[in-house]
Each structure stands twice: as C-alpha cells, then as structure tokens.
C-alpha cells in the first residue's frame, strides 16, 4: 500500500514558465504565503465554485482554445505549402518526361 492513502494531503506536480514562477513566488513572499498555500486556496475556490475562480478558468480555457486554433491553422498552412510544393514537383516531373519523350521522337 502507498503511504499517501492514509494522509490528508495529496502532492501535485506542475510545470510553469521560469519567469512566471519567479514573479509568482515573489508575489507570494510579499503576502507572506507559500506557493502551496496559494494553489490550495485557488483549488478550494474552484471546488466551491466562486465567481472569481470561474472567471480565471474561463480565461485559461479561452487561451487554450485560441492556442489550439492557432496551432491547427499553422499545421494546415504548412500542409498547404507542402501540397503546393508537391503539386509543383509533379508538374515539373511531367514536363521533364514530356520534354524527354519529345526529344526522342
């Protein structure tokens, strides 16, 4: 059995950008809070369904959606360019073949 089954706390591991981490940590220090206390409070507010936590999550979801759309558009643009290059290559090959056939006649 794992030891955390009998504890009230659960460890959470997240990655955030270094500069955000540094500024966030500084803000928490100014307020006399640990990052753990701040994250715990936010999680509690999400669970309680507070208006401010819903707004923060809505902003995060919107940013994620926009990022996903941008990534999709970039991939689509890249595929379109690759197709244009492939179409160009095919046309060029046909022209070369037709030229060689015409030269041999």
N, C-alpha and C. Protein backbone atom coordinates (compact mmCIF):
# COMPACT_ATOMS: atom_id res chain seq x y z
N UNK A 1 0.83 -1.19 0.00
CA UNK A 1 0.00 0.00 0.00
C UNK A 1 0.87 1.25 0.00
N UNK A 2 0.39 2.25 -0.67
CA UNK A 2 1.11 3.51 -0.70
C UNK A 2 0.84 4.30 0.57
N UNK A 3 1.87 5.01 1.02
CA UNK A 3 1.75 5.78 2.24
C UNK A 3 0.77 6.93 2.15
N UNK A 4 0.57 7.49 0.95
CA UNK A 4 -0.31 8.67 0.83
C UNK A 4 -1.79 8.33 0.97
N UNK A 5 -2.14 7.06 1.02
CA UNK A 5 -3.54 6.69 1.20
C UNK A 5 -4.05 7.08 2.58
N UNK A 6 -3.12 7.19 3.53
CA UNK A 6 -3.50 7.49 4.89
C UNK A 6 -3.24 8.95 5.28
N UNK A 7 -2.90 9.78 4.29
CA UNK A 7 -2.64 11.19 4.55
C UNK A 7 -3.77 12.04 4.00
N UNK A 8 -3.95 13.21 4.60
CA UNK A 8 -4.98 14.12 4.12
C UNK A 8 -4.54 14.94 2.91
N UNK A 9 -3.25 15.09 2.72
CA UNK A 9 -2.73 15.92 1.63
C UNK A 9 -2.34 15.05 0.44
N UNK A 10 -2.47 15.65 -0.74
CA UNK A 10 -2.09 14.99 -1.98
C UNK A 10 -1.08 15.88 -2.69
N UNK A 11 0.04 15.32 -3.11
CA UNK A 11 1.05 16.08 -3.82
C UNK A 11 0.62 16.31 -5.27
N UNK A 12 0.90 17.51 -5.76
CA UNK A 12 0.60 17.86 -7.14
C UNK A 12 1.87 18.41 -7.77
N UNK A 13 2.22 17.93 -8.93
CA UNK A 13 3.42 18.39 -9.62
C UNK A 13 3.01 19.08 -10.90
N UNK A 14 3.43 20.34 -11.04
CA UNK A 14 3.09 21.11 -12.23
C UNK A 14 4.35 21.78 -12.77
N UNK A 15 4.30 22.17 -14.04
CA UNK A 15 5.38 22.93 -14.65
C UNK A 15 4.81 24.27 -15.08
N UNK A 16 5.55 25.33 -14.73
CA UNK A 16 5.18 26.66 -15.21
C UNK A 16 6.46 27.32 -15.72
N UNK A 17 6.30 28.33 -16.54
CA UNK A 17 7.45 29.05 -17.10
C UNK A 17 8.30 29.62 -15.96
N UNK A 18 9.62 29.64 -16.17
CA UNK A 18 10.54 30.10 -15.14
C UNK A 18 10.26 31.53 -14.70
N UNK A 19 10.01 32.42 -15.66
CA UNK A 19 9.77 33.82 -15.30
C UNK A 19 8.46 33.98 -14.54
N UNK A 20 7.45 33.22 -14.91
CA UNK A 20 6.18 33.27 -14.18
C UNK A 20 6.39 32.75 -12.76
N UNK A 21 7.13 31.66 -12.64
CA UNK A 21 7.41 31.08 -11.33
C UNK A 21 8.09 32.11 -10.43
N UNK A 22 9.10 32.78 -10.95
CA UNK A 22 9.85 33.76 -10.15
C UNK A 22 8.95 34.91 -9.69
N UNK A 23 8.16 35.45 -10.61
CA UNK A 23 7.28 36.56 -10.24
C UNK A 23 6.17 36.11 -9.28
N UNK A 24 5.62 34.93 -9.52
CA UNK A 24 4.57 34.40 -8.64
C UNK A 24 5.13 34.19 -7.23
N UNK A 25 6.31 33.60 -7.18
CA UNK A 25 6.93 33.35 -5.88
C UNK A 25 7.18 34.66 -5.15
N UNK A 26 7.63 35.68 -5.89
CA UNK A 26 7.85 37.00 -5.29
C UNK A 26 6.58 37.60 -4.73
N UNK A 27 5.49 37.46 -5.48
CA UNK A 27 4.20 37.99 -5.01
C UNK A 27 3.72 37.24 -3.77
N UNK A 28 3.93 35.94 -3.75
CA UNK A 28 3.52 35.16 -2.58
C UNK A 28 4.36 35.55 -1.37
N UNK A 29 5.66 35.80 -1.59
CA UNK A 29 6.54 36.21 -0.50
C UNK A 29 6.07 37.54 0.10
N UNK A 30 5.70 38.48 -0.78
CA UNK A 30 5.22 39.79 -0.31
C UNK A 30 3.99 39.64 0.58
N UNK A 31 3.17 38.64 0.30
CA UNK A 31 1.92 38.46 1.05
C UNK A 31 2.09 37.49 2.22
N UNK A 32 3.30 36.96 2.38
CA UNK A 32 3.54 36.03 3.48
C UNK A 32 2.93 34.67 3.26
N UNK A 33 2.75 34.29 1.99
CA UNK A 33 2.16 32.99 1.65
C UNK A 33 3.17 32.11 0.95
N UNK A 34 2.99 30.82 1.08
CA UNK A 34 3.77 29.89 0.26
C UNK A 34 3.00 29.67 -1.04
N UNK A 35 3.70 29.19 -2.03
CA UNK A 35 3.02 28.87 -3.29
C UNK A 35 1.99 27.78 -3.04
N UNK A 36 2.32 26.84 -2.17
CA UNK A 36 1.40 25.76 -1.84
C UNK A 36 0.10 26.31 -1.25
N UNK A 37 0.22 27.27 -0.35
CA UNK A 37 -0.97 27.86 0.26
C UNK A 37 -1.83 28.56 -0.80
N UNK A 38 -1.17 29.25 -1.74
CA UNK A 38 -1.92 29.96 -2.79
C UNK A 38 -2.63 28.97 -3.71
N UNK A 39 -1.93 27.93 -4.14
CA UNK A 39 -2.56 26.94 -5.01
C UNK A 39 -3.69 26.21 -4.29
N UNK A 40 -3.49 25.91 -3.03
CA UNK A 40 -4.52 25.24 -2.25
C UNK A 40 -5.78 26.12 -2.15
N UNK A 41 -5.57 27.41 -1.91
CA UNK A 41 -6.70 28.33 -1.81
C UNK A 41 -7.45 28.43 -3.15
N UNK A 42 -6.69 28.50 -4.24
CA UNK A 42 -7.35 28.56 -5.54
C UNK A 42 -8.15 27.29 -5.80
N UNK A 43 -7.55 26.14 -5.51
CA UNK A 43 -8.26 24.86 -5.71
C UNK A 43 -9.54 24.82 -4.88
N UNK A 44 -9.47 25.31 -3.66
CA UNK A 44 -10.65 25.35 -2.79
C UNK A 44 -11.73 26.23 -3.41
N UNK A 45 -11.33 27.39 -3.94
CA UNK A 45 -12.31 28.29 -4.56
C UNK A 45 -12.93 27.67 -5.81
N UNK A 46 -12.15 26.90 -6.56
CA UNK A 46 -12.70 26.20 -7.74
C UNK A 46 -13.74 25.19 -7.27
N UNK A 47 -13.40 24.42 -6.25
CA UNK A 47 -14.33 23.42 -5.71
C UNK A 47 -15.60 24.08 -5.21
N UNK A 48 -15.46 25.23 -4.57
CA UNK A 48 -16.63 25.96 -4.05
C UNK A 48 -17.38 26.70 -5.15
N UNK A 49 -16.81 26.79 -6.32
CA UNK A 49 -17.49 27.42 -7.46
C UNK A 49 -17.59 28.93 -7.37
N UNK A 50 -16.57 29.57 -6.81
CA UNK A 50 -16.62 31.03 -6.70
C UNK A 50 -16.56 31.69 -8.07
N UNK A 51 -17.16 32.85 -8.16
CA UNK A 51 -17.21 33.59 -9.42
C UNK A 51 -15.81 33.91 -9.94
N UNK A 52 -14.93 34.35 -9.04
CA UNK A 52 -13.58 34.72 -9.47
C UNK A 52 -12.80 33.52 -10.00
N UNK A 53 -12.97 32.35 -9.37
CA UNK A 53 -12.25 31.17 -9.86
C UNK A 53 -12.80 30.73 -11.22
N UNK A 54 -14.11 30.86 -11.41
CA UNK A 54 -14.70 30.50 -12.71
C UNK A 54 -14.20 31.44 -13.80
N UNK A 55 -14.02 32.72 -13.46
CA UNK A 55 -13.51 33.69 -14.44
C UNK A 55 -12.08 33.34 -14.83
N UNK A 56 -11.26 32.99 -13.84
CA UNK A 56 -9.88 32.63 -14.13
C UNK A 56 -9.83 31.39 -15.02
N UNK A 57 -10.64 30.39 -14.70
CA UNK A 57 -10.67 29.17 -15.51
C UNK A 57 -11.21 29.43 -16.91
N UNK A 58 -12.18 30.35 -17.04
CA UNK A 58 -12.70 30.71 -18.36
C UNK A 58 -11.63 31.35 -19.21
N UNK A 59 -10.84 32.23 -18.60
CA UNK A 59 -9.73 32.87 -19.32
C UNK A 59 -8.72 31.81 -19.76
N UNK A 60 -8.38 30.89 -18.87
CA UNK A 60 -7.43 29.82 -19.20
C UNK A 60 -7.96 28.95 -20.33
N UNK A 61 -9.25 28.60 -20.28
CA UNK A 61 -9.85 27.77 -21.33
C UNK A 61 -9.86 28.50 -22.66
N UNK A 62 -10.15 29.80 -22.64
CA UNK A 62 -10.16 30.60 -23.87
C UNK A 62 -8.77 30.68 -24.48
N UNK A 63 -7.76 30.90 -23.64
CA UNK A 63 -6.37 30.94 -24.13
C UNK A 63 -5.98 29.60 -24.75
N UNK A 64 -6.39 28.51 -24.10
CA UNK A 64 -6.06 27.18 -24.62
C UNK A 64 -6.74 26.95 -25.97
N UNK A 65 -8.00 27.38 -26.07
CA UNK A 65 -8.74 27.21 -27.32
C UNK A 65 -8.08 28.01 -28.45
N UNK A 66 -7.72 29.27 -28.14
CA UNK A 66 -7.07 30.11 -29.15
C UNK A 66 -5.74 29.51 -29.58
N UNK A 67 -4.98 29.00 -28.62
CA UNK A 67 -3.69 28.38 -28.92
C UNK A 67 -3.88 27.15 -29.80
N UNK A 68 -4.90 26.36 -29.49
CA UNK A 68 -5.19 25.17 -30.27
C UNK A 68 -5.60 25.53 -31.70
N UNK A 69 -6.40 26.58 -31.83
CA UNK A 69 -6.82 27.04 -33.16
C UNK A 69 -5.61 27.52 -33.94
N UNK A 70 -4.74 28.32 -33.29
CA UNK A 70 -3.55 28.83 -33.95
C UNK A 70 -2.64 27.70 -34.41
N UNK A 71 -2.45 26.69 -33.55
CA UNK A 71 -1.62 25.54 -33.91
C UNK A 71 -2.23 24.79 -35.09
N UNK A 72 -3.54 24.64 -35.07
CA UNK A 72 -4.23 23.95 -36.16
C UNK A 72 -4.08 24.71 -37.46
N UNK A 73 -4.22 26.05 -37.40
CA UNK A 73 -4.06 26.87 -38.59
C UNK A 73 -2.64 26.80 -39.12
N UNK A 74 -1.65 26.80 -38.22
CA UNK A 74 -0.26 26.70 -38.63
C UNK A 74 0.01 25.37 -39.32
N UNK A 75 -0.52 24.28 -38.75
CA UNK A 75 -0.33 22.96 -39.35
C UNK A 75 -1.01 22.90 -40.71
N UNK A 76 -2.20 23.48 -40.80
CA UNK A 76 -2.94 23.49 -42.07
C UNK A 76 -2.17 24.28 -43.12
N UNK A 77 -1.63 25.41 -42.72
CA UNK A 77 -0.85 26.24 -43.64
C UNK A 77 0.39 25.50 -44.11
N UNK A 78 1.04 24.80 -43.19
CA UNK A 78 2.23 24.03 -43.53
C UNK A 78 1.88 22.91 -44.52
N UNK A 79 0.76 22.19 -44.25
CA UNK A 79 0.33 21.13 -45.17
C UNK A 79 0.00 21.69 -46.54
N UNK A 80 -0.65 22.87 -46.57
CA UNK A 80 -1.00 23.50 -47.83
C UNK A 80 0.25 23.84 -48.63
N UNK A 81 1.27 24.39 -47.95
CA UNK A 81 2.52 24.72 -48.62
C UNK A 81 3.19 23.46 -49.14
N UNK A 82 3.18 22.38 -48.32
CA UNK A 82 3.78 21.12 -48.75
C UNK A 82 3.04 20.57 -49.96
N UNK A 83 1.70 20.69 -49.98
CA UNK A 83 0.93 20.21 -51.12
C UNK A 83 1.25 21.03 -52.35
N UNK A 84 1.39 22.36 -52.18
CA UNK A 84 1.73 23.21 -53.31
C UNK A 84 3.09 22.81 -53.87
N UNK A 85 4.05 22.52 -52.98
CA UNK A 85 5.37 22.08 -53.43
C UNK A 85 5.26 20.75 -54.13
N UNK A 86 4.48 19.82 -53.57
CA UNK A 86 4.30 18.51 -54.20
C UNK A 86 3.64 18.65 -55.56
N UNK A 87 2.61 19.51 -55.66
CA UNK A 87 1.96 19.74 -56.94
C UNK A 87 2.95 20.31 -57.94
N UNK A 88 3.81 21.24 -57.47
CA UNK A 88 4.83 21.82 -58.33
C UNK A 88 5.79 20.74 -58.80
N UNK A 89 6.23 19.88 -57.89
CA UNK A 89 7.15 18.80 -58.24
C UNK A 89 6.52 17.85 -59.26
N UNK A 90 5.27 17.52 -59.07
CA UNK A 90 4.57 16.63 -60.01
C UNK A 90 4.50 17.27 -61.38
N UNK A 91 4.09 18.55 -61.43
CA UNK A 91 4.00 19.25 -62.71
C UNK A 91 5.36 19.32 -63.38
N UNK A 92 6.40 19.59 -62.59
CA UNK A 92 7.76 19.68 -63.14
C UNK A 92 8.19 18.33 -63.69
N UNK A 93 7.92 17.24 -62.99
CA UNK A 93 8.28 15.91 -63.47
C UNK A 93 7.56 15.57 -64.77
N UNK A 94 6.27 15.89 -64.84
CA UNK A 94 5.52 15.63 -66.08
C UNK A 94 6.12 16.41 -67.24
N UNK A 95 6.48 17.65 -66.98
CA UNK A 95 7.08 18.48 -68.04
C UNK A 95 8.41 17.89 -68.49
N UNK A 96 9.23 17.43 -67.54
CA UNK A 96 10.51 16.83 -67.90
C UNK A 96 10.32 15.55 -68.71
N UNK A 97 9.37 14.73 -68.28
CA UNK A 97 9.08 13.48 -69.00
C UNK A 97 8.60 13.79 -70.41
N UNK A 98 7.67 14.72 -70.52
CA UNK A 98 7.15 15.09 -71.85
C UNK A 98 8.25 15.68 -72.73
N UNK A 99 9.14 16.45 -72.15
CA UNK A 99 10.26 17.02 -72.92
C UNK A 99 11.17 15.91 -73.41
N UNK A 100 11.50 14.96 -72.54
CA UNK A 100 12.37 13.85 -72.93
C UNK A 100 11.71 12.99 -74.01
N UNK A 101 10.42 12.77 -73.88
CA UNK A 101 9.69 11.98 -74.90
C UNK A 101 9.73 12.71 -76.23
N UNK A 102 9.50 14.02 -76.20
CA UNK A 102 9.50 14.81 -77.42
C UNK A 102 10.90 14.83 -78.06
N UNK A 103 11.95 14.83 -77.25
CA UNK A 103 13.32 14.85 -77.77
C UNK A 103 13.67 13.54 -78.43
N UNK A 104 13.10 12.42 -77.98
CA UNK A 104 13.44 11.12 -78.52
C UNK A 104 12.67 10.81 -79.78
N UNK A 105 11.65 11.61 -80.10
CA UNK A 105 10.85 11.34 -81.31
C UNK A 105 11.50 11.88 -82.53
